[in-house]
Protein backbone atom coordinates (compact mmCIF):
# COMPACT_ATOMS: atom_id res chain seq x y z
CA UNK A 1 58.54 8.11 -1.59
CA UNK A 2 55.82 10.90 -1.59
CA UNK A 3 53.04 11.08 0.73
CA UNK A 4 49.62 12.34 0.29
CA UNK A 5 48.89 16.04 1.51
CA UNK A 6 46.16 16.83 4.15
CA UNK A 7 43.31 17.64 1.74
CA UNK A 8 43.62 14.66 -0.56
CA UNK A 9 43.71 12.28 2.38
CA UNK A 10 40.66 13.94 3.76
CA UNK A 11 38.84 13.62 0.56
CA UNK A 12 39.94 9.86 0.39
CA UNK A 13 38.72 9.27 3.92
CA UNK A 14 35.30 10.96 3.13
CA UNK A 15 35.14 8.87 0.11
CA UNK A 16 35.84 5.69 2.25
CA UNK A 17 33.35 6.80 4.75
CA UNK A 18 30.70 7.39 2.08
CA UNK A 19 31.32 3.82 0.50
CA UNK A 20 30.83 2.44 4.03
CA UNK A 21 27.68 4.43 4.44
CA UNK A 22 26.05 3.18 1.18
CA UNK A 23 27.11 -0.38 1.88
CA UNK A 24 25.53 -0.08 5.42
CA UNK A 25 22.39 1.50 4.09
CA UNK A 26 21.87 -1.23 1.28
CA UNK A 27 22.25 -3.97 4.10
CA UNK A 28 19.47 -2.35 6.29
CA UNK A 29 17.07 -1.50 3.29
CA UNK A 30 17.64 -4.85 1.46
CA UNK A 31 14.88 -6.64 3.52
CA UNK A 32 12.44 -3.78 2.55
CA UNK A 33 13.46 -3.97 -0.88
CA UNK A 34 13.23 -7.77 -0.85
CA UNK A 35 9.79 -7.54 0.66
CA UNK A 36 8.58 -5.23 -2.13
CA UNK A 37 9.79 -7.50 -4.84
CA UNK A 38 8.30 -10.52 -3.39
CA UNK A 39 4.91 -8.64 -3.31
CA UNK A 40 4.86 -8.76 -7.03
CA UNK A 41 5.67 -12.62 -7.24
CA UNK A 42 3.41 -15.49 -7.51
CA UNK A 43 3.19 -17.45 -4.52
CA UNK A 44 5.31 -20.39 -6.08
CA UNK A 45 8.14 -18.04 -7.04
CA UNK A 46 8.24 -16.41 -3.58
CA UNK A 47 8.46 -19.74 -1.83
CA UNK A 48 11.12 -21.04 -4.21
CA UNK A 49 14.57 -22.18 -2.72
CA UNK A 50 16.75 -20.87 -3.73
CA UNK A 51 14.87 -17.45 -4.47
CA UNK A 52 13.85 -16.72 -7.96
CA UNK A 53 15.39 -13.41 -9.14
CA UNK A 54 13.69 -13.40 -12.50
CA UNK A 55 9.93 -13.48 -12.43
CA UNK A 56 6.93 -11.89 -14.19
CA UNK A 57 5.29 -9.22 -12.10
CA UNK A 58 1.89 -9.46 -10.91
CA UNK A 59 -0.59 -7.42 -9.04
CA UNK A 60 -2.58 -10.35 -8.01
CA UNK A 61 -1.35 -10.33 -4.44
CA UNK A 62 -2.55 -6.61 -3.98
CA UNK A 63 -5.61 -7.65 -5.24
CA UNK A 64 -5.99 -10.38 -2.99
CA UNK A 65 -5.16 -7.97 -0.30
CA UNK A 66 -7.82 -5.30 -0.85
CA UNK A 67 -10.40 -8.24 -1.42
CA UNK A 68 -9.81 -9.04 2.13
CA UNK A 69 -10.87 -5.51 3.17
CA UNK A 70 -7.71 -4.13 4.51
CA UNK A 71 -8.95 -0.47 4.58
CA UNK A 72 -10.89 -0.75 7.96
CA UNK A 73 -7.66 -2.02 9.55
CA UNK A 74 -5.69 0.75 8.20
CA UNK A 75 -8.23 3.27 9.27
CA UNK A 76 -8.07 1.96 12.91
CA UNK A 77 -4.40 2.22 13.05
CA UNK A 78 -4.44 5.69 11.46
CA UNK A 79 -6.97 6.88 13.80
CA UNK A 80 -5.31 5.22 16.87
CA UNK A 81 -1.77 6.43 15.85
CA UNK A 82 -2.66 10.19 14.96
CA UNK A 83 -4.91 10.64 17.99
CA UNK A 84 -2.67 9.29 20.46
CA UNK A 85 0.32 11.15 18.88
CA UNK A 86 -1.39 14.28 18.98
CA UNK A 87 -2.37 13.78 22.72
CA UNK A 88 1.08 12.90 23.59
CA UNK A 89 2.47 15.90 22.07
CA UNK A 90 0.09 18.15 24.03
CA UNK A 91 0.61 16.47 27.21
CA UNK A 92 4.52 16.10 26.90
CA UNK A 93 5.30 19.47 25.78
CA UNK A 94 4.15 21.41 28.93
CA UNK A 95 5.40 18.61 31.10
CA UNK A 96 8.89 18.77 29.55
CA UNK A 97 8.88 22.56 29.72
CA UNK A 98 8.11 22.26 33.76
CA UNK A 99 11.11 19.46 33.67
CA UNK A 100 13.73 21.84 31.81
CA UNK A 101 13.07 25.63 31.31
CA UNK A 102 11.19 26.00 34.55
CA UNK A 103 12.11 22.87 36.67
CA UNK A 104 9.61 22.07 39.26
CA UNK A 105 10.83 20.66 42.86
CA UNK A 106 12.46 17.11 42.68
CA UNK A 107 12.14 17.34 38.96
CA UNK A 108 14.98 14.27 38.95
CA UNK A 109 12.38 12.27 40.74
CA UNK A 110 9.52 13.06 38.45
CA UNK A 111 11.90 11.97 35.35
CA UNK A 112 12.80 8.90 37.08
CA UNK A 113 8.92 8.13 37.48
CA UNK A 114 8.35 8.78 33.95
CA UNK A 115 11.04 6.33 32.66
CA UNK A 116 10.38 3.75 35.33
CA UNK A 117 6.91 3.02 33.76
CA UNK A 118 8.70 1.58 30.59
CA UNK A 119 10.65 -0.63 32.97
CA UNK A 120 7.69 -3.31 33.25
CA UNK A 121 7.00 -5.56 30.54
CA UNK A 122 3.74 -5.04 28.70
CA UNK A 123 2.82 -8.74 29.39
CA UNK A 124 3.04 -8.14 33.02
CA UNK A 125 0.33 -5.55 32.70
CA UNK A 126 -1.87 -7.34 30.32
CA UNK A 127 -4.35 -8.89 32.81
CA UNK A 128 -4.91 -5.94 34.95
CA UNK A 129 -5.57 -3.97 31.68
CA UNK A 130 -7.70 -6.52 30.27
CA UNK A 131 -9.92 -6.73 33.34
CA UNK A 132 -10.14 -2.93 33.60
CA UNK A 133 -10.95 -2.64 29.85
CA UNK A 134 -13.57 -5.47 29.97
CA UNK A 135 -15.30 -4.11 33.19
CA UNK A 136 -15.54 -0.68 31.56
CA UNK A 137 -17.15 -2.14 28.50
CA UNK A 138 -14.16 -0.76 26.21
CA UNK A 139 -13.11 -4.11 24.72
CA UNK A 140 -12.47 -3.95 20.96
CA UNK A 141 -12.82 0.01 21.10
CA UNK A 142 -10.51 2.03 19.04
CA UNK A 143 -10.36 4.80 21.91
CA UNK A 144 -9.00 2.21 24.29
CA UNK A 145 -6.08 1.94 22.02
CA UNK A 146 -5.69 5.63 21.69
CA UNK A 147 -5.53 5.98 25.57
CA UNK A 148 -3.21 3.13 25.84
CA UNK A 149 -0.87 4.19 23.06
CA UNK A 150 -0.61 7.49 24.51
CA UNK A 151 0.31 6.20 27.91
CA UNK A 152 2.93 3.79 26.24
CA UNK A 153 4.67 6.96 24.43
CA UNK A 154 4.17 9.84 26.85
CA UNK A 155 7.20 8.70 29.03
CA UNK A 156 9.46 8.53 26.01
CA UNK A 157 7.83 11.83 24.50
CA UNK A 158 8.51 13.74 27.80
CA UNK A 159 12.34 12.65 27.81
CA UNK A 160 12.78 13.54 24.35
CA UNK A 161 11.12 16.91 24.53
CA UNK A 162 13.11 17.94 27.57
CA UNK A 163 16.29 17.24 25.69
CA UNK A 164 15.10 19.42 23.02
CA UNK A 165 14.05 22.12 25.22
CA UNK A 166 17.32 22.22 27.14
CA UNK A 167 18.89 23.65 23.84
CA UNK A 168 16.64 26.77 24.00
CA UNK A 169 18.78 30.02 24.78
CA UNK A 170 17.67 31.30 28.15
CA UNK A 171 18.27 34.82 26.48
CA UNK A 172 15.33 34.27 24.03
CA UNK A 173 12.80 33.37 26.84
CA UNK A 174 14.22 36.57 29.15
CA UNK A 175 13.71 38.71 25.97
CA UNK A 176 10.02 37.29 25.75
CA UNK A 177 9.42 38.26 29.45
CA UNK A 178 10.81 41.65 28.97
CA UNK A 179 8.41 42.24 26.08
CA UNK A 180 5.60 41.00 28.17
CA UNK A 181 4.87 37.68 27.09
CA UNK A 182 3.03 35.17 29.18
CA UNK A 183 4.11 31.58 29.60
CA UNK A 184 1.40 30.21 27.22
CA UNK A 185 2.69 32.99 24.62
CA UNK A 186 6.37 32.15 25.24
CA UNK A 187 5.59 28.49 24.59
CA UNK A 188 3.44 28.88 21.46
CA UNK A 189 5.40 31.76 19.85
CA UNK A 190 8.93 31.33 20.94
CA UNK A 191 9.61 28.01 22.05
CA UNK A 192 7.77 25.80 19.89
CA UNK A 193 9.15 27.43 16.56
CA UNK A 194 12.75 26.86 17.95
CA UNK A 195 12.13 22.99 18.93
CA UNK A 196 9.99 22.21 15.96
CA UNK A 197 12.46 19.77 14.77
CA UNK A 198 12.55 18.16 17.93
CA UNK A 199 8.65 18.23 18.27
CA UNK A 200 8.40 16.59 14.68
CA UNK A 201 10.98 13.81 15.62
CA UNK A 202 9.26 12.89 18.74
CA UNK A 203 5.61 12.91 16.90
CA UNK A 204 6.96 10.71 14.14
CA UNK A 205 8.53 8.04 16.74
CA UNK A 206 5.37 8.10 18.63
CA UNK A 207 3.38 7.72 15.53
CA UNK A 208 5.56 4.86 14.40
CA UNK A 209 5.50 3.19 17.95
CA UNK A 210 1.70 3.36 17.88
CA UNK A 211 1.26 2.14 14.23
CA UNK A 212 3.36 -0.98 14.79
CA UNK A 213 2.10 -1.85 18.23
CA UNK A 214 0.93 -5.44 18.01
CA UNK A 215 0.68 -7.02 21.61
CA UNK A 216 -2.13 -4.79 23.26
CA UNK A 217 -4.00 -4.67 19.89
CA UNK A 218 -4.06 -8.58 19.46
CA UNK A 219 -5.38 -8.93 22.96
CA UNK A 220 -7.77 -5.98 23.40
CA UNK A 221 -9.39 -5.79 19.98
CA UNK A 222 -11.25 -8.13 17.68
CA UNK A 223 -13.33 -7.14 14.69
CA UNK A 224 -14.41 -3.40 15.25
CA UNK A 225 -10.94 -1.93 16.41
CA UNK A 226 -8.42 -4.34 14.80
CA UNK A 227 -5.41 -2.36 13.64
CA UNK A 228 -2.97 -3.09 10.53
CA UNK A 229 -0.86 -5.74 12.37
CA UNK A 230 -3.65 -7.65 13.29
CA UNK A 231 -4.48 -7.65 9.45
CA UNK A 232 -0.89 -9.03 8.77
CA UNK A 233 -1.31 -11.93 11.27
CA UNK A 234 -4.37 -13.02 9.18
CA UNK A 235 -2.27 -14.04 6.34
CA UNK A 236 -0.04 -16.45 8.22
CA UNK A 237 -1.40 -20.08 7.83
CA UNK A 238 -0.10 -23.57 7.86
CA UNK A 239 -2.14 -24.39 4.86
CA UNK A 240 -0.82 -23.33 1.32
CA UNK A 241 1.39 -20.70 0.45
CA UNK A 242 0.93 -17.04 1.77
CA UNK A 243 4.52 -15.17 1.74
CA UNK A 244 3.63 -13.12 -1.46
CA UNK A 245 0.23 -11.96 -0.11
CA UNK A 246 1.74 -11.34 3.34
CA UNK A 247 4.56 -9.14 1.76
CA UNK A 248 1.92 -7.00 -0.37
CA UNK A 249 -0.05 -6.41 2.73
CA UNK A 250 3.04 -5.45 4.84
CA UNK A 251 4.26 -3.12 1.96
CA UNK A 252 0.77 -1.28 2.06
CA UNK A 253 0.87 -1.07 5.79
CA UNK A 254 4.29 0.32 5.64
CA UNK A 255 3.46 3.07 3.08
CA UNK A 256 1.65 5.60 5.78
CA UNK A 257 4.93 5.47 8.09
CA UNK A 258 7.08 6.09 5.13
CA UNK A 259 4.92 8.86 4.01
CA UNK A 260 5.09 10.40 7.43
CA UNK A 261 8.69 10.16 7.46
CA UNK A 262 9.02 11.62 4.07
CA UNK A 263 6.88 14.49 4.91
CA UNK A 264 8.79 15.34 8.18
CA UNK A 265 12.23 14.73 6.96
CA UNK A 266 13.02 18.48 6.64
CA UNK A 267 12.07 18.93 10.29
CA UNK A 268 14.12 16.02 11.37
CA UNK A 269 17.12 17.75 11.44
CA UNK A 270 18.19 19.46 14.86
CA UNK A 271 19.91 22.58 15.58
CA UNK A 272 17.56 25.30 14.55
CA UNK A 273 18.17 26.82 18.04
CA UNK A 274 21.70 27.68 17.06
CA UNK A 275 21.98 31.49 16.39
CA UNK A 276 18.56 32.45 17.80
CA UNK A 277 20.11 35.16 19.90
CA UNK A 278 21.35 37.90 17.73
């Protein structure tokens, strides 16, 4: 009885893992595909049981969504997510530098403090936040959401950026110091180009978390600063059918995140620091 050699066995195993990966990918993506398909259905087709697989596509649901004036909500979410992400990156990078390449005293305590801010449930901080924001006259203000989203994502960004900065070869920094590079110059011209994939991954995650945040937005905003998740809730009703319209709105709300991920996909591959020292 013949046995397979090492190379065919390896190819067979790789093919098997490839099939498993495709199956897992389809399972995870299927809800998104079903959401998009449902958005092109009429409400009666979307609510049918069993689901209707054959239907006549229509854009009526998207027309209804735009008639409900979705653009201000999208712009509010875009503004809050982009500005909070930029603020987080600007603050997290020097903080991670001070906790990795040039560690400050008791840096472990500082790291624990950052992560401990994520241990308290958001609902426990809601009442103090609401009273503070109300007394400051910043209810239903988009800049309130920028500040809150920045504080929400900053601890995670510091931990992520620290893990990326730890991969920067020390020899590169020493070479920069020999050439007379200051700390700011070293961060801007040496460190950031090396950790740009990690920076992109951190920014993308912070953007997604800010874009999808619902709990603070639903309690601290109303008509002026309502975000995209708040707009989606407006379609849920106990009167009549709403599933197709909700799927159409959810598809539109998901597009900016998908576009951001597609633009940053080349930067999401880690390991550019390998081989930096010649």
